[in-house]
N, C-alpha and C. Protein backbone atom coordinates (compact mmCIF):
# COMPACT_ATOMS: atom_id res chain seq x y z
N MET A 1 -11.58 1.11 12.26
CA MET A 1 -11.45 0.23 11.13
C MET A 1 -9.96 0.05 10.82
N LYS A 2 -9.53 -1.18 10.78
CA LYS A 2 -8.13 -1.50 10.48
C LYS A 2 -7.96 -1.56 8.96
N VAL A 3 -6.95 -0.84 8.46
CA VAL A 3 -6.72 -0.74 7.02
C VAL A 3 -5.30 -1.18 6.70
N LEU A 4 -5.17 -1.95 5.62
CA LEU A 4 -3.88 -2.38 5.10
C LEU A 4 -3.65 -1.61 3.80
N ALA A 5 -2.49 -0.97 3.66
CA ALA A 5 -2.16 -0.23 2.44
C ALA A 5 -1.04 -0.92 1.70
N LEU A 6 -1.17 -0.96 0.37
CA LEU A 6 -0.18 -1.60 -0.49
C LEU A 6 0.27 -0.61 -1.56
N ASP A 7 1.58 -0.40 -1.64
CA ASP A 7 2.17 0.42 -2.69
C ASP A 7 2.76 -0.56 -3.70
N HIS A 8 1.94 -0.97 -4.68
CA HIS A 8 2.29 -2.03 -5.61
C HIS A 8 3.45 -1.65 -6.51
N GLY A 9 4.37 -2.57 -6.65
CA GLY A 9 5.48 -2.42 -7.57
C GLY A 9 5.82 -3.78 -8.14
N ARG A 10 6.43 -3.78 -9.31
CA ARG A 10 6.77 -5.04 -9.96
C ARG A 10 7.77 -5.83 -9.13
N ALA A 11 8.80 -5.16 -8.61
CA ALA A 11 9.83 -5.85 -7.84
C ALA A 11 9.48 -5.94 -6.36
N ARG A 12 8.97 -4.85 -5.81
CA ARG A 12 8.67 -4.80 -4.37
C ARG A 12 7.35 -4.06 -4.16
N THR A 13 6.59 -4.53 -3.20
CA THR A 13 5.34 -3.87 -2.84
C THR A 13 5.44 -3.44 -1.38
N GLY A 14 5.34 -2.13 -1.18
CA GLY A 14 5.38 -1.59 0.17
C GLY A 14 4.09 -1.91 0.91
N VAL A 15 4.20 -2.10 2.22
CA VAL A 15 3.06 -2.49 3.04
C VAL A 15 3.02 -1.64 4.30
N ALA A 16 1.82 -1.18 4.64
CA ALA A 16 1.62 -0.48 5.92
C ALA A 16 0.25 -0.90 6.45
N VAL A 17 0.10 -0.81 7.75
CA VAL A 17 -1.16 -1.19 8.39
C VAL A 17 -1.51 -0.17 9.45
N SER A 18 -2.80 0.04 9.62
CA SER A 18 -3.25 0.94 10.68
C SER A 18 -3.53 0.14 11.94
N ASP A 19 -3.68 0.87 13.03
CA ASP A 19 -4.14 0.23 14.25
C ASP A 19 -5.65 -0.04 14.08
N PRO A 20 -6.26 -0.81 14.97
CA PRO A 20 -7.68 -1.15 14.82
C PRO A 20 -8.62 0.06 14.80
N THR A 21 -8.20 1.18 15.37
CA THR A 21 -9.06 2.36 15.36
C THR A 21 -8.92 3.18 14.08
N GLY A 22 -7.97 2.81 13.22
CA GLY A 22 -7.75 3.56 11.99
C GLY A 22 -7.13 4.92 12.25
N THR A 23 -6.33 5.03 13.30
CA THR A 23 -5.73 6.31 13.68
C THR A 23 -4.26 6.37 13.31
N LEU A 24 -3.51 5.33 13.63
CA LEU A 24 -2.06 5.31 13.41
C LEU A 24 -1.70 4.35 12.29
N ALA A 25 -0.66 4.71 11.54
CA ALA A 25 -0.16 3.84 10.46
C ALA A 25 1.28 3.46 10.77
N ARG A 26 1.62 2.22 10.47
CA ARG A 26 3.01 1.78 10.64
C ARG A 26 3.43 0.93 9.45
N PRO A 27 4.68 1.11 9.02
CA PRO A 27 5.16 0.32 7.89
C PRO A 27 5.48 -1.10 8.32
N LEU A 28 5.28 -2.03 7.40
CA LEU A 28 5.65 -3.43 7.58
C LEU A 28 6.68 -3.77 6.50
N PRO A 29 7.35 -4.89 6.62
CA PRO A 29 8.33 -5.25 5.57
C PRO A 29 7.66 -5.37 4.20
N ALA A 30 8.35 -4.87 3.19
CA ALA A 30 7.85 -4.95 1.82
C ALA A 30 7.80 -6.41 1.37
N ILE A 31 6.96 -6.67 0.39
CA ILE A 31 6.83 -8.01 -0.18
C ILE A 31 7.53 -8.02 -1.54
N GLU A 32 8.45 -8.94 -1.69
CA GLU A 32 9.18 -9.08 -2.95
C GLU A 32 8.27 -9.77 -3.98
N ARG A 33 8.28 -9.26 -5.20
CA ARG A 33 7.57 -9.85 -6.34
C ARG A 33 6.19 -10.37 -5.94
N VAL A 34 5.32 -9.45 -5.52
CA VAL A 34 4.00 -9.81 -5.02
C VAL A 34 3.13 -10.50 -6.08
N ASP A 35 3.45 -10.32 -7.35
CA ASP A 35 2.67 -10.97 -8.41
C ASP A 35 3.13 -12.39 -8.71
N SER A 36 4.20 -12.84 -8.07
CA SER A 36 4.66 -14.22 -8.24
C SER A 36 3.87 -15.12 -7.29
N PRO A 37 3.87 -16.44 -7.53
CA PRO A 37 3.17 -17.33 -6.59
C PRO A 37 3.65 -17.18 -5.14
N ALA A 38 4.95 -17.08 -4.94
CA ALA A 38 5.47 -16.93 -3.57
C ALA A 38 5.05 -15.60 -2.97
N GLY A 39 5.09 -14.55 -3.76
CA GLY A 39 4.67 -13.23 -3.29
C GLY A 39 3.19 -13.20 -2.94
N ARG A 40 2.36 -13.84 -3.77
CA ARG A 40 0.92 -13.90 -3.49
C ARG A 40 0.67 -14.64 -2.18
N ARG A 41 1.38 -15.75 -1.98
CA ARG A 41 1.20 -16.51 -0.73
C ARG A 41 1.59 -15.65 0.47
N ARG A 42 2.70 -14.93 0.35
CA ARG A 42 3.13 -14.08 1.47
C ARG A 42 2.09 -13.00 1.75
N LEU A 43 1.55 -12.38 0.70
CA LEU A 43 0.51 -11.36 0.89
C LEU A 43 -0.74 -11.96 1.52
N GLU A 44 -1.15 -13.11 1.07
CA GLU A 44 -2.34 -13.75 1.64
C GLU A 44 -2.14 -14.09 3.11
N ARG A 45 -0.93 -14.54 3.49
CA ARG A 45 -0.62 -14.81 4.91
C ARG A 45 -0.68 -13.51 5.71
N LEU A 46 -0.11 -12.45 5.15
CA LEU A 46 -0.12 -11.16 5.82
C LEU A 46 -1.55 -10.67 6.05
N ILE A 47 -2.39 -10.80 5.03
CA ILE A 47 -3.80 -10.39 5.17
C ILE A 47 -4.49 -11.22 6.23
N ALA A 48 -4.24 -12.52 6.25
CA ALA A 48 -4.84 -13.38 7.28
C ALA A 48 -4.35 -13.00 8.67
N ASP A 49 -3.05 -12.72 8.81
CA ASP A 49 -2.48 -12.36 10.11
C ASP A 49 -2.98 -11.00 10.61
N GLU A 50 -3.03 -10.02 9.72
CA GLU A 50 -3.42 -8.66 10.12
C GLU A 50 -4.93 -8.48 10.20
N ALA A 51 -5.70 -9.26 9.47
CA ALA A 51 -7.16 -9.21 9.45
C ALA A 51 -7.69 -7.78 9.28
N PRO A 52 -7.31 -7.11 8.17
CA PRO A 52 -7.80 -5.76 7.97
C PRO A 52 -9.28 -5.74 7.58
N ASP A 53 -9.93 -4.62 7.84
CA ASP A 53 -11.32 -4.43 7.42
C ASP A 53 -11.40 -3.92 5.99
N ARG A 54 -10.29 -3.37 5.50
CA ARG A 54 -10.22 -2.80 4.16
C ARG A 54 -8.77 -2.81 3.70
N ILE A 55 -8.58 -2.95 2.38
CA ILE A 55 -7.25 -2.88 1.78
C ILE A 55 -7.26 -1.72 0.79
N VAL A 56 -6.23 -0.90 0.87
CA VAL A 56 -6.09 0.24 -0.03
C VAL A 56 -4.85 0.02 -0.88
N VAL A 57 -5.02 0.08 -2.20
CA VAL A 57 -3.92 -0.08 -3.14
C VAL A 57 -3.63 1.29 -3.74
N GLY A 58 -2.37 1.68 -3.71
CA GLY A 58 -1.99 2.97 -4.26
C GLY A 58 -2.19 3.03 -5.76
N GLU A 59 -2.73 4.15 -6.22
CA GLU A 59 -2.94 4.38 -7.65
C GLU A 59 -1.96 5.45 -8.09
N PRO A 60 -0.88 5.05 -8.76
CA PRO A 60 0.17 6.00 -9.14
C PRO A 60 -0.21 6.80 -10.39
N ARG A 61 -0.78 7.95 -10.18
CA ARG A 61 -1.15 8.84 -11.30
C ARG A 61 -0.06 9.89 -11.49
N SER A 62 -0.03 10.46 -12.67
CA SER A 62 0.91 11.56 -12.93
C SER A 62 0.42 12.80 -12.20
N LEU A 63 1.24 13.82 -12.11
CA LEU A 63 0.83 15.05 -11.44
C LEU A 63 -0.40 15.68 -12.09
N SER A 64 -0.58 15.44 -13.40
CA SER A 64 -1.75 15.97 -14.09
C SER A 64 -2.98 15.10 -13.87
N GLY A 65 -2.81 13.95 -13.20
CA GLY A 65 -3.93 13.07 -12.91
C GLY A 65 -4.12 11.95 -13.92
N GLU A 66 -3.27 11.89 -14.92
CA GLU A 66 -3.40 10.86 -15.95
C GLU A 66 -2.93 9.50 -15.44
N GLN A 67 -3.53 8.46 -16.01
CA GLN A 67 -3.12 7.10 -15.69
C GLN A 67 -2.10 6.63 -16.71
N GLY A 68 -1.00 6.11 -16.22
CA GLY A 68 0.01 5.54 -17.10
C GLY A 68 0.07 4.04 -16.91
N ALA A 69 1.15 3.45 -17.38
CA ALA A 69 1.32 2.00 -17.29
C ALA A 69 1.34 1.52 -15.84
N GLN A 70 1.99 2.26 -14.96
CA GLN A 70 2.05 1.83 -13.56
C GLN A 70 0.67 1.86 -12.92
N ALA A 71 -0.13 2.86 -13.24
CA ALA A 71 -1.49 2.93 -12.68
C ALA A 71 -2.34 1.78 -13.20
N ARG A 72 -2.18 1.44 -14.47
CA ARG A 72 -2.92 0.30 -15.01
C ARG A 72 -2.47 -1.01 -14.36
N ALA A 73 -1.16 -1.14 -14.10
CA ALA A 73 -0.65 -2.34 -13.42
C ALA A 73 -1.21 -2.44 -12.00
N ALA A 74 -1.27 -1.32 -11.30
CA ALA A 74 -1.81 -1.32 -9.94
C ALA A 74 -3.30 -1.66 -9.95
N ALA A 75 -4.03 -1.15 -10.93
CA ALA A 75 -5.46 -1.46 -11.04
C ALA A 75 -5.67 -2.94 -11.33
N GLY A 76 -4.83 -3.52 -12.18
CA GLY A 76 -4.91 -4.95 -12.45
C GLY A 76 -4.62 -5.77 -11.20
N PHE A 77 -3.60 -5.36 -10.46
CA PHE A 77 -3.25 -6.02 -9.20
C PHE A 77 -4.44 -5.95 -8.23
N ALA A 78 -5.05 -4.77 -8.10
CA ALA A 78 -6.19 -4.60 -7.19
C ALA A 78 -7.35 -5.49 -7.61
N GLY A 79 -7.59 -5.59 -8.90
CA GLY A 79 -8.66 -6.46 -9.39
C GLY A 79 -8.41 -7.92 -9.07
N ARG A 80 -7.18 -8.37 -9.27
CA ARG A 80 -6.84 -9.76 -8.93
C ARG A 80 -6.96 -10.00 -7.43
N LEU A 81 -6.56 -9.01 -6.64
CA LEU A 81 -6.66 -9.14 -5.18
C LEU A 81 -8.12 -9.22 -4.74
N ARG A 82 -8.97 -8.39 -5.33
CA ARG A 82 -10.41 -8.44 -5.00
C ARG A 82 -10.98 -9.84 -5.20
N ALA A 83 -10.52 -10.51 -6.24
CA ALA A 83 -11.03 -11.85 -6.55
C ALA A 83 -10.55 -12.90 -5.56
N ARG A 84 -9.50 -12.60 -4.80
CA ARG A 84 -8.91 -13.60 -3.89
C ARG A 84 -9.21 -13.37 -2.41
N VAL A 85 -9.68 -12.19 -2.04
CA VAL A 85 -9.89 -11.90 -0.62
C VAL A 85 -11.34 -11.50 -0.36
N ASP A 86 -11.75 -11.65 0.88
CA ASP A 86 -13.11 -11.28 1.28
C ASP A 86 -13.15 -9.92 1.95
N VAL A 87 -12.16 -9.10 1.66
CA VAL A 87 -12.04 -7.76 2.25
C VAL A 87 -12.21 -6.74 1.13
N PRO A 88 -12.93 -5.65 1.35
CA PRO A 88 -13.03 -4.64 0.29
C PRO A 88 -11.65 -4.11 -0.09
N VAL A 89 -11.41 -3.96 -1.38
CA VAL A 89 -10.15 -3.44 -1.91
C VAL A 89 -10.48 -2.16 -2.66
N GLU A 90 -9.78 -1.10 -2.30
CA GLU A 90 -10.04 0.22 -2.86
C GLU A 90 -8.75 0.82 -3.41
N MET A 91 -8.86 1.56 -4.50
CA MET A 91 -7.72 2.28 -5.05
C MET A 91 -7.68 3.67 -4.40
N TRP A 92 -6.44 4.22 -4.21
CA TRP A 92 -6.29 5.54 -3.61
C TRP A 92 -5.11 6.25 -4.27
N ASP A 93 -5.31 7.48 -4.61
CA ASP A 93 -4.28 8.30 -5.27
C ASP A 93 -3.02 8.36 -4.41
N GLU A 94 -1.90 7.99 -5.02
CA GLU A 94 -0.65 7.97 -4.25
C GLU A 94 0.38 8.97 -4.78
N ARG A 95 -0.07 9.99 -5.49
CA ARG A 95 0.88 10.98 -6.03
C ARG A 95 1.77 11.52 -4.93
N LEU A 96 3.04 11.55 -5.20
CA LEU A 96 4.09 12.12 -4.35
C LEU A 96 4.36 11.35 -3.06
N THR A 97 3.79 10.17 -2.90
CA THR A 97 4.06 9.42 -1.66
C THR A 97 5.52 8.99 -1.57
N THR A 98 6.14 8.61 -2.69
CA THR A 98 7.54 8.19 -2.66
C THR A 98 8.45 9.36 -2.32
N VAL A 99 8.12 10.54 -2.83
CA VAL A 99 8.91 11.73 -2.51
C VAL A 99 8.83 12.02 -1.01
N GLU A 100 7.62 11.97 -0.46
CA GLU A 100 7.44 12.22 0.97
C GLU A 100 8.11 11.13 1.80
N ALA A 101 8.01 9.89 1.35
CA ALA A 101 8.65 8.77 2.07
C ALA A 101 10.16 8.95 2.10
N ALA A 102 10.75 9.36 0.98
CA ALA A 102 12.20 9.58 0.93
C ALA A 102 12.60 10.70 1.88
N ARG A 103 11.81 11.76 1.91
CA ARG A 103 12.10 12.88 2.82
C ARG A 103 12.04 12.40 4.28
N ARG A 104 11.02 11.66 4.61
CA ARG A 104 10.88 11.15 5.99
C ARG A 104 12.04 10.23 6.35
N GLY A 105 12.41 9.39 5.41
CA GLY A 105 13.52 8.47 5.67
C GLY A 105 14.81 9.21 5.95
N ARG A 106 15.07 10.26 5.17
CA ARG A 106 16.30 11.05 5.37
C ARG A 106 16.24 11.82 6.68
N GLU A 107 15.12 12.49 6.93
CA GLU A 107 15.03 13.36 8.11
C GLU A 107 14.85 12.60 9.41
N GLY A 108 14.12 11.51 9.35
CA GLY A 108 13.82 10.79 10.58
C GLY A 108 14.72 9.61 10.85
N GLY A 109 15.54 9.26 9.87
CA GLY A 109 16.41 8.11 10.05
C GLY A 109 15.64 6.81 10.17
N SER A 110 14.50 6.73 9.49
CA SER A 110 13.67 5.53 9.58
C SER A 110 14.42 4.32 9.06
N ARG A 111 14.22 3.19 9.70
CA ARG A 111 14.83 1.94 9.25
C ARG A 111 13.90 1.18 8.31
N ALA A 112 12.67 1.65 8.15
CA ALA A 112 11.75 1.00 7.21
C ALA A 112 12.21 1.26 5.79
N ASP A 113 11.91 0.32 4.89
CA ASP A 113 12.32 0.51 3.50
C ASP A 113 11.44 1.58 2.84
N LEU A 114 11.95 2.15 1.77
CA LEU A 114 11.27 3.25 1.09
C LEU A 114 9.88 2.83 0.59
N ASP A 115 9.74 1.62 0.07
CA ASP A 115 8.44 1.16 -0.44
C ASP A 115 7.38 1.13 0.67
N SER A 116 7.76 0.63 1.83
CA SER A 116 6.80 0.56 2.92
C SER A 116 6.58 1.93 3.56
N LEU A 117 7.59 2.80 3.55
CA LEU A 117 7.36 4.18 4.00
C LEU A 117 6.36 4.87 3.07
N ALA A 118 6.46 4.60 1.76
CA ALA A 118 5.50 5.17 0.81
C ALA A 118 4.10 4.62 1.08
N ALA A 119 3.98 3.34 1.40
CA ALA A 119 2.68 2.77 1.76
C ALA A 119 2.14 3.41 3.02
N CYS A 120 3.02 3.74 3.95
CA CYS A 120 2.61 4.40 5.19
C CYS A 120 2.08 5.81 4.90
N VAL A 121 2.76 6.55 4.03
CA VAL A 121 2.30 7.89 3.64
C VAL A 121 0.93 7.78 2.96
N LEU A 122 0.78 6.81 2.07
CA LEU A 122 -0.49 6.56 1.40
C LEU A 122 -1.58 6.28 2.43
N LEU A 123 -1.29 5.42 3.38
CA LEU A 123 -2.28 5.05 4.39
C LEU A 123 -2.65 6.25 5.26
N GLU A 124 -1.67 7.04 5.65
CA GLU A 124 -1.96 8.23 6.46
C GLU A 124 -2.89 9.19 5.71
N ALA A 125 -2.64 9.38 4.41
CA ALA A 125 -3.51 10.25 3.60
C ALA A 125 -4.92 9.68 3.51
N TYR A 126 -5.01 8.39 3.32
CA TYR A 126 -6.31 7.73 3.25
C TYR A 126 -7.07 7.90 4.58
N LEU A 127 -6.40 7.62 5.69
CA LEU A 127 -7.06 7.72 6.99
C LEU A 127 -7.49 9.16 7.29
N ALA A 128 -6.64 10.12 6.94
CA ALA A 128 -6.98 11.54 7.18
C ALA A 128 -8.20 11.95 6.35
N ALA A 129 -8.28 11.48 5.13
CA ALA A 129 -9.41 11.84 4.27
C ALA A 129 -10.70 11.20 4.74
N ARG A 130 -10.59 10.03 5.37
CA ARG A 130 -11.78 9.32 5.84
C ARG A 130 -12.26 9.80 7.21
N GLY A 131 -11.39 10.57 7.87
CA GLY A 131 -11.84 11.19 9.00
C GLY A 131 -11.69 11.02 10.37
């Protein structure tokens, strides 16, 4: 199952995609202002090009598990996305993905942007949990 992961942000949304077997994750270029008309069009083109079987949107909860403003914004984004695409959209806990992405970027010298590295970490966790 091919999965597209989105690490939603107001300014930039990180993007990662799995291979068709749902085994490997790779970062893609982040989308600027995904909630703007131009950003929505770019996301819709990306979804059409990648043809994922499922989309996972990161749910940024606090370490205690509470939902804050960012988690509510991500949930709103996921709801709007569900209304526009014919692919299942699921929320997934993304606690500490940015911290892990920053560590990977420093240690591995990755050229991917931090937002998309965070989406990649999110996607890897999702794929590992699904089995």
